[in-house]
């Protein structure tokens, strides 16, 4: 199983990040919406994803 870190960066500077199971065939990338940018990074291990998510939250 792969894991994804999904980070939403809102126009006002607020950021929310979470770890979730990756969807089948999901790849890392960015999507822009009206209110935020959604960044997805896919990892092979849950531990890697958790570390990356924690780094996002510190930044």
C-alpha atoms as a PDB file:
ATOM      1  CA  UNK A   1       0.000   0.000   0.000  1.00  0.00           C
ATOM      2  CA  UNK A   2       1.157   3.519  -0.797  1.00  0.00           C
ATOM      3  CA  UNK A   3       0.420   6.644   1.210  1.00  0.00           C
ATOM      4  CA  UNK A   4      -0.238  10.215   0.127  1.00  0.00           C
ATOM      5  CA  UNK A   5       0.395  13.491   1.896  1.00  0.00           C
ATOM      6  CA  UNK A   6      -2.299  15.946   0.847  1.00  0.00           C
ATOM      7  CA  UNK A   7      -1.506  19.576   1.648  1.00  0.00           C
ATOM      8  CA  UNK A   8      -3.958  22.391   1.021  1.00  0.00           C
ATOM      9  CA  UNK A   9      -2.358  25.837   0.891  1.00  0.00           C
ATOM     10  CA  UNK A  10      -5.041  28.516   1.084  1.00  0.00           C
ATOM     11  CA  UNK A  11      -4.852  31.999  -0.420  1.00  0.00           C
ATOM     12  CA  UNK A  12      -4.726  33.553   3.074  1.00  0.00           C
ATOM     13  CA  UNK A  13      -1.548  31.570   3.917  1.00  0.00           C
ATOM     14  CA  UNK A  14      -3.228  28.884   6.032  1.00  0.00           C
ATOM     15  CA  UNK A  15      -2.050  25.331   5.367  1.00  0.00           C
ATOM     16  CA  UNK A  16      -3.641  21.978   6.235  1.00  0.00           C
ATOM     17  CA  UNK A  17      -1.793  18.688   5.651  1.00  0.00           C
ATOM     18  CA  UNK A  18      -2.799  15.081   6.245  1.00  0.00           C
ATOM     19  CA  UNK A  19      -1.647  11.540   5.501  1.00  0.00           C
ATOM     20  CA  UNK A  20      -4.087   9.222   3.745  1.00  0.00           C
ATOM     21  CA  UNK A  21      -3.969   5.996   1.720  1.00  0.00           C
ATOM     22  CA  UNK A  22      -3.021   6.769  -1.891  1.00  0.00           C
ATOM     23  CA  UNK A  23      -5.596   6.029  -4.569  1.00  0.00           C
ATOM     24  CA  UNK A  24      -4.798   3.406  -7.210  1.00  0.00           C
ATOM     25  CA  UNK A  25      -2.470   4.952  -9.791  1.00  0.00           C
ATOM     26  CA  UNK A  26      -2.284   8.286  -7.954  1.00  0.00           C
ATOM     27  CA  UNK A  27       0.841  10.339  -8.663  1.00  0.00           C
ATOM     28  CA  UNK A  28       2.443  13.324  -6.977  1.00  0.00           C
ATOM     29  CA  UNK A  29       1.327  16.692  -8.287  1.00  0.00           C
ATOM     30  CA  UNK A  30      -0.522  19.958  -7.710  1.00  0.00           C
ATOM     31  CA  UNK A  31      -4.056  21.138  -8.467  1.00  0.00           C
ATOM     32  CA  UNK A  32      -5.177  24.758  -8.236  1.00  0.00           C
ATOM     33  CA  UNK A  33      -8.660  25.677  -7.016  1.00  0.00           C
ATOM     34  CA  UNK A  34     -10.301  29.051  -6.425  1.00  0.00           C
ATOM     35  CA  UNK A  35      -9.440  29.064  -2.724  1.00  0.00           C
ATOM     36  CA  UNK A  36      -6.296  26.912  -2.437  1.00  0.00           C
ATOM     37  CA  UNK A  37      -3.568  24.864  -4.081  1.00  0.00           C
ATOM     38  CA  UNK A  38      -3.733  21.131  -3.340  1.00  0.00           C
ATOM     39  CA  UNK A  39      -0.353  19.374  -3.300  1.00  0.00           C
ATOM     40  CA  UNK A  40      -0.207  15.576  -3.260  1.00  0.00           C
ATOM     41  CA  UNK A  41       3.023  13.661  -2.618  1.00  0.00           C
ATOM     42  CA  UNK A  42       2.938   9.844  -2.806  1.00  0.00           C
ATOM     43  CA  UNK A  43       5.200   7.605  -0.690  1.00  0.00           C
ATOM     44  CA  UNK A  44       5.893   3.869  -0.487  1.00  0.00           C
ATOM     45  CA  UNK A  45       5.782   3.771   3.317  1.00  0.00           C
ATOM     46  CA  UNK A  46       3.510   5.307   5.916  1.00  0.00           C
ATOM     47  CA  UNK A  47       6.508   6.381   8.012  1.00  0.00           C
ATOM     48  CA  UNK A  48       7.975   8.375   5.094  1.00  0.00           C
ATOM     49  CA  UNK A  49       4.617  10.059   4.552  1.00  0.00           C
ATOM     50  CA  UNK A  50       4.267  10.943   8.243  1.00  0.00           C
ATOM     51  CA  UNK A  51       7.761  12.480   8.340  1.00  0.00           C
ATOM     52  CA  UNK A  52       7.050  14.511   5.206  1.00  0.00           C
ATOM     53  CA  UNK A  53       3.696  15.684   6.596  1.00  0.00           C
ATOM     54  CA  UNK A  54       5.332  16.754   9.859  1.00  0.00           C
ATOM     55  CA  UNK A  55       7.918  18.756   7.884  1.00  0.00           C
ATOM     56  CA  UNK A  56       5.073  20.475   5.993  1.00  0.00           C
ATOM     57  CA  UNK A  57       3.434  21.442   9.277  1.00  0.00           C
ATOM     58  CA  UNK A  58       6.705  22.884  10.635  1.00  0.00           C
ATOM     59  CA  UNK A  59       7.316  24.943   7.493  1.00  0.00           C
END
